[in-house]
Amino acid sequence: MLYLDNASLAVTTRTFGPTLDKWRRTPCIFHGNAGDGKDYFEMISAAWTSAIRDKSVVTVDPPGYSTGIVLFEMGDLPGARANFERSIKEEPRNALESMYNYAVLSNQLGDNDAALSAYDECVKAKPGHIDALLNSANIYLTRGDHDTAKRYVEIALSAHPDSALAKHYYAVVMEKVQ
C-alpha cells in the first residue's frame, strides 16, 4: 500500500481513493499486490510522490476495467459500458473480459447489435467462448432467428460437449426450430 500522511490527502484519485486501509485505518490507495494494483502501482506511486514533492494536486484516472466494475455495481450501466470500452483499447490484459462485459451491458441497455458484434469479437479472441456463444444464441432466439441461434448453440456444444447449460440451450432452440 502507499500510505499518506494527513498533509498529502489533497492528492486524490477519482473514484477509488484515498481510502482507509481496513487493518491500519490509515489513508492509502490500491494494494500493490492485488488486482489492478500490480499493474498501476508504479504509475500511481510516481504521480503521488511527484504531487507530494511539488505540493500539488494530481488526478489519476483509475483503470477502465476496475471503474467499469465499480460503476456496474453502483447501477450506472452506461458509465460501466463506456469504461469497459476504454479498457478494451487501453488495457490489453483485460481486453477479452472487458469486451465480454461490454457485450453484456450493451445487451442489457438494448443495443443488441453492439452486443452481438462484441460477443463475436470474444469468440474470435477465444474460440469456444461459451458465454459469448450462448448469449448470442439468446439474442437470436429473442429476435426469432432460430436457425442462427441453433448454429451458435451447436458451436458452443462442440467446444463444450459436457456443458449442462449448452445442452439446455440446445433443447430450447430445438423446441423453437421444430
Protein backbone atom coordinates (compact mmCIF):
# COMPACT_ATOMS: atom_id res chain seq x y z
CA MET A 1 0.00 0.00 0.00
CA LEU A 2 1.01 3.58 -0.50
CA TYR A 3 0.41 5.33 2.80
CA LEU A 4 -0.11 9.05 3.07
CA ASP A 5 0.19 11.49 5.91
CA ASN A 6 -2.67 13.90 6.55
CA ALA A 7 -0.90 16.72 4.68
CA SER A 8 -0.95 14.77 1.45
CA LEU A 9 -4.65 13.93 1.49
CA ALA A 10 -5.23 16.73 -1.03
CA VAL A 11 -3.80 14.32 -3.58
CA THR A 12 -6.75 12.32 -4.82
CA THR A 13 -7.66 9.63 -7.29
CA ARG A 14 -11.03 9.80 -8.96
CA THR A 15 -13.43 7.03 -7.85
CA PHE A 16 -11.04 4.92 -5.76
CA GLY A 17 -9.24 6.91 -3.19
CA PRO A 18 -7.74 7.81 -0.99
CA THR A 19 -9.37 5.22 1.22
CA LEU A 20 -8.64 3.83 4.65
CA ASP A 21 -6.70 0.61 4.93
CA LYS A 22 -9.08 -1.70 6.78
CA TRP A 23 -6.37 -3.04 9.12
CA ARG A 24 -4.27 0.01 9.89
CA ARG A 25 -7.08 2.57 9.42
CA THR A 26 -4.63 4.89 7.65
CA PRO A 27 -5.11 6.63 4.29
CA CYS A 28 -3.94 4.57 1.34
CA ILE A 29 -4.55 3.69 -2.31
CA PHE A 30 -4.59 0.32 -4.11
CA HIS A 31 -2.79 -2.65 -2.70
CA GLY A 32 0.39 -3.14 -4.70
CA ASN A 33 -0.26 -6.88 -4.80
CA ALA A 34 -3.96 -7.12 -5.57
CA GLY A 35 -5.98 -6.72 -8.74
CA ASP A 36 -5.07 -3.76 -10.86
CA GLY A 37 -2.68 -2.53 -8.18
CA LYS A 38 0.00 -4.78 -9.63
CA ASP A 39 -0.20 -3.06 -12.99
CA TYR A 40 -0.80 0.51 -11.87
CA PHE A 41 1.07 0.79 -8.58
CA GLU A 42 4.23 2.28 -10.09
CA MET A 43 2.27 4.85 -12.11
CA ILE A 44 0.13 5.88 -9.14
CA SER A 45 3.06 5.88 -6.75
CA ALA A 46 5.10 8.13 -9.06
CA ALA A 47 2.18 10.52 -9.53
CA TRP A 48 1.56 10.77 -5.81
CA THR A 49 5.26 11.15 -4.98
CA SER A 50 5.54 13.97 -7.51
CA ALA A 51 2.39 15.66 -6.20
CA ILE A 52 3.61 15.47 -2.61
CA ARG A 53 7.04 16.83 -3.62
CA ASP A 54 5.51 19.66 -5.66
CA LYS A 55 2.67 20.24 -3.17
CA SER A 56 0.16 19.95 -5.98
CA VAL A 57 -2.99 18.03 -6.68
CA VAL A 58 -2.87 15.20 -9.21
CA THR A 59 -5.81 13.30 -10.63
CA VAL A 60 -5.02 9.77 -11.74
CA ASP A 61 -7.65 8.09 -13.89
CA PRO A 62 -8.37 4.67 -12.47
CA PRO A 63 -8.19 1.74 -14.89
CA GLY A 64 -11.24 1.38 -17.14
CA TYR A 65 -11.83 -2.24 -16.21
CA SER A 66 -11.93 -1.56 -12.47
CA THR A 67 -14.02 1.56 -12.97
CA GLY A 68 -16.44 -0.43 -15.11
CA ILE A 69 -16.88 -2.97 -12.32
CA VAL A 70 -17.47 -0.26 -9.72
CA LEU A 71 -19.95 1.63 -11.91
CA PHE A 72 -21.79 -1.61 -12.72
CA GLU A 73 -22.11 -2.38 -9.01
CA MET A 74 -23.43 1.17 -8.48
CA GLY A 75 -26.05 0.63 -11.19
CA ASP A 76 -24.53 3.03 -13.74
CA LEU A 77 -24.74 0.73 -16.77
CA PRO A 78 -23.93 3.35 -19.44
CA GLY A 79 -20.92 4.54 -17.43
CA ALA A 80 -19.75 0.98 -16.87
CA ARG A 81 -20.10 0.18 -20.55
CA ALA A 82 -18.09 3.28 -21.53
CA ASN A 83 -15.29 2.25 -19.16
CA PHE A 84 -15.20 -1.32 -20.45
CA GLU A 85 -14.92 0.14 -23.95
CA ARG A 86 -11.99 2.30 -22.76
CA SER A 87 -10.41 -0.75 -21.15
CA ILE A 88 -10.57 -2.71 -24.43
CA LYS A 89 -8.36 -0.04 -26.00
CA GLU A 90 -6.07 0.80 -23.08
CA GLU A 91 -5.67 -2.44 -21.12
CA PRO A 92 -4.69 -5.40 -23.31
CA ARG A 93 -4.50 -7.66 -20.25
CA ASN A 94 -8.23 -7.11 -19.63
CA ALA A 95 -9.38 -6.78 -23.24
CA LEU A 96 -11.30 -10.06 -23.51
CA GLU A 97 -13.07 -9.69 -20.18
CA SER A 98 -13.81 -6.04 -20.95
CA MET A 99 -15.19 -6.96 -24.37
CA TYR A 100 -17.45 -9.57 -22.80
CA ASN A 101 -18.68 -7.13 -20.13
CA TYR A 102 -19.22 -4.50 -22.82
CA ALA A 103 -21.34 -7.02 -24.74
CA VAL A 104 -23.41 -7.96 -21.69
CA LEU A 105 -24.06 -4.32 -20.85
CA SER A 106 -24.90 -3.50 -24.47
CA ASN A 107 -27.48 -6.27 -24.35
CA GLN A 108 -28.87 -5.03 -21.05
CA LEU A 109 -29.09 -1.50 -22.48
CA GLY A 110 -30.97 -2.77 -25.53
CA ASP A 111 -28.15 -2.32 -28.04
CA ASN A 112 -28.26 -5.90 -29.29
CA ASP A 113 -26.33 -5.20 -32.50
CA ALA A 114 -23.39 -3.88 -30.46
CA ALA A 115 -23.76 -6.86 -28.11
CA LEU A 116 -23.65 -9.37 -30.97
CA SER A 117 -20.62 -7.67 -32.51
CA ALA A 118 -18.78 -7.70 -29.18
CA TYR A 119 -19.71 -11.33 -28.49
CA ASP A 120 -18.33 -12.25 -31.92
CA GLU A 121 -15.09 -10.45 -31.03
CA CYS A 122 -14.92 -12.52 -27.84
CA VAL A 123 -15.30 -15.73 -29.86
CA LYS A 124 -12.60 -14.57 -32.30
CA ALA A 125 -10.25 -13.89 -29.38
CA LYS A 126 -11.17 -17.12 -27.57
CA PRO A 127 -12.78 -19.71 -29.84
CA GLY A 128 -15.45 -21.64 -28.00
CA HIS A 129 -16.15 -18.77 -25.54
CA ILE A 130 -19.26 -20.47 -24.20
CA ASP A 131 -20.83 -17.46 -22.51
CA ALA A 132 -20.45 -15.29 -25.62
CA LEU A 133 -21.83 -18.05 -27.83
CA LEU A 134 -24.85 -18.77 -25.63
CA ASN A 135 -25.62 -15.10 -25.05
CA SER A 136 -25.52 -14.56 -28.82
CA ALA A 137 -27.86 -17.50 -29.25
CA ASN A 138 -30.22 -15.98 -26.70
CA ILE A 139 -30.34 -12.67 -28.60
CA TYR A 140 -31.08 -14.51 -31.84
CA LEU A 141 -33.79 -16.52 -30.07
CA THR A 142 -35.48 -13.35 -28.84
CA ARG A 143 -35.30 -11.96 -32.39
CA GLY A 144 -36.97 -15.10 -33.71
CA ASP A 145 -33.92 -16.16 -35.73
CA HIS A 146 -33.95 -19.75 -34.51
CA ASP A 147 -31.60 -21.12 -37.17
CA THR A 148 -28.82 -18.68 -36.24
CA ALA A 149 -29.44 -19.36 -32.55
CA LYS A 150 -29.11 -23.08 -33.24
CA ARG A 151 -25.81 -22.52 -35.07
CA TYR A 152 -24.36 -20.64 -32.07
CA VAL A 153 -25.52 -23.31 -29.62
CA GLU A 154 -24.05 -26.06 -31.79
CA ILE A 155 -20.69 -24.27 -31.80
CA ALA A 156 -20.87 -23.98 -28.00
CA LEU A 157 -21.75 -27.68 -27.68
CA SER A 158 -18.93 -28.76 -29.98
CA ALA A 159 -16.47 -26.80 -27.84
CA HIS A 160 -18.06 -27.85 -24.52
CA PRO A 161 -19.87 -31.16 -25.04
CA ASP A 162 -20.38 -31.70 -21.29
CA SER A 163 -21.89 -28.28 -20.59
CA ALA A 164 -25.31 -28.66 -18.99
CA LEU A 165 -26.13 -25.06 -19.91
CA ALA A 166 -25.27 -25.59 -23.58
CA LYS A 167 -27.38 -28.76 -23.58
CA HIS A 168 -30.28 -26.84 -22.06
CA TYR A 169 -29.98 -24.10 -24.69
CA TYR A 170 -29.88 -26.75 -27.39
CA ALA A 171 -33.13 -28.27 -26.12
CA VAL A 172 -34.78 -24.83 -26.02
CA VAL A 173 -33.60 -23.96 -29.53
CA MET A 174 -34.65 -27.34 -30.96
CA GLU A 175 -38.11 -26.83 -29.48
CA LYS A 176 -38.34 -23.49 -31.32
CA VAL A 177 -36.90 -24.79 -34.62
CA GLN A 178 -39.41 -27.65 -34.93
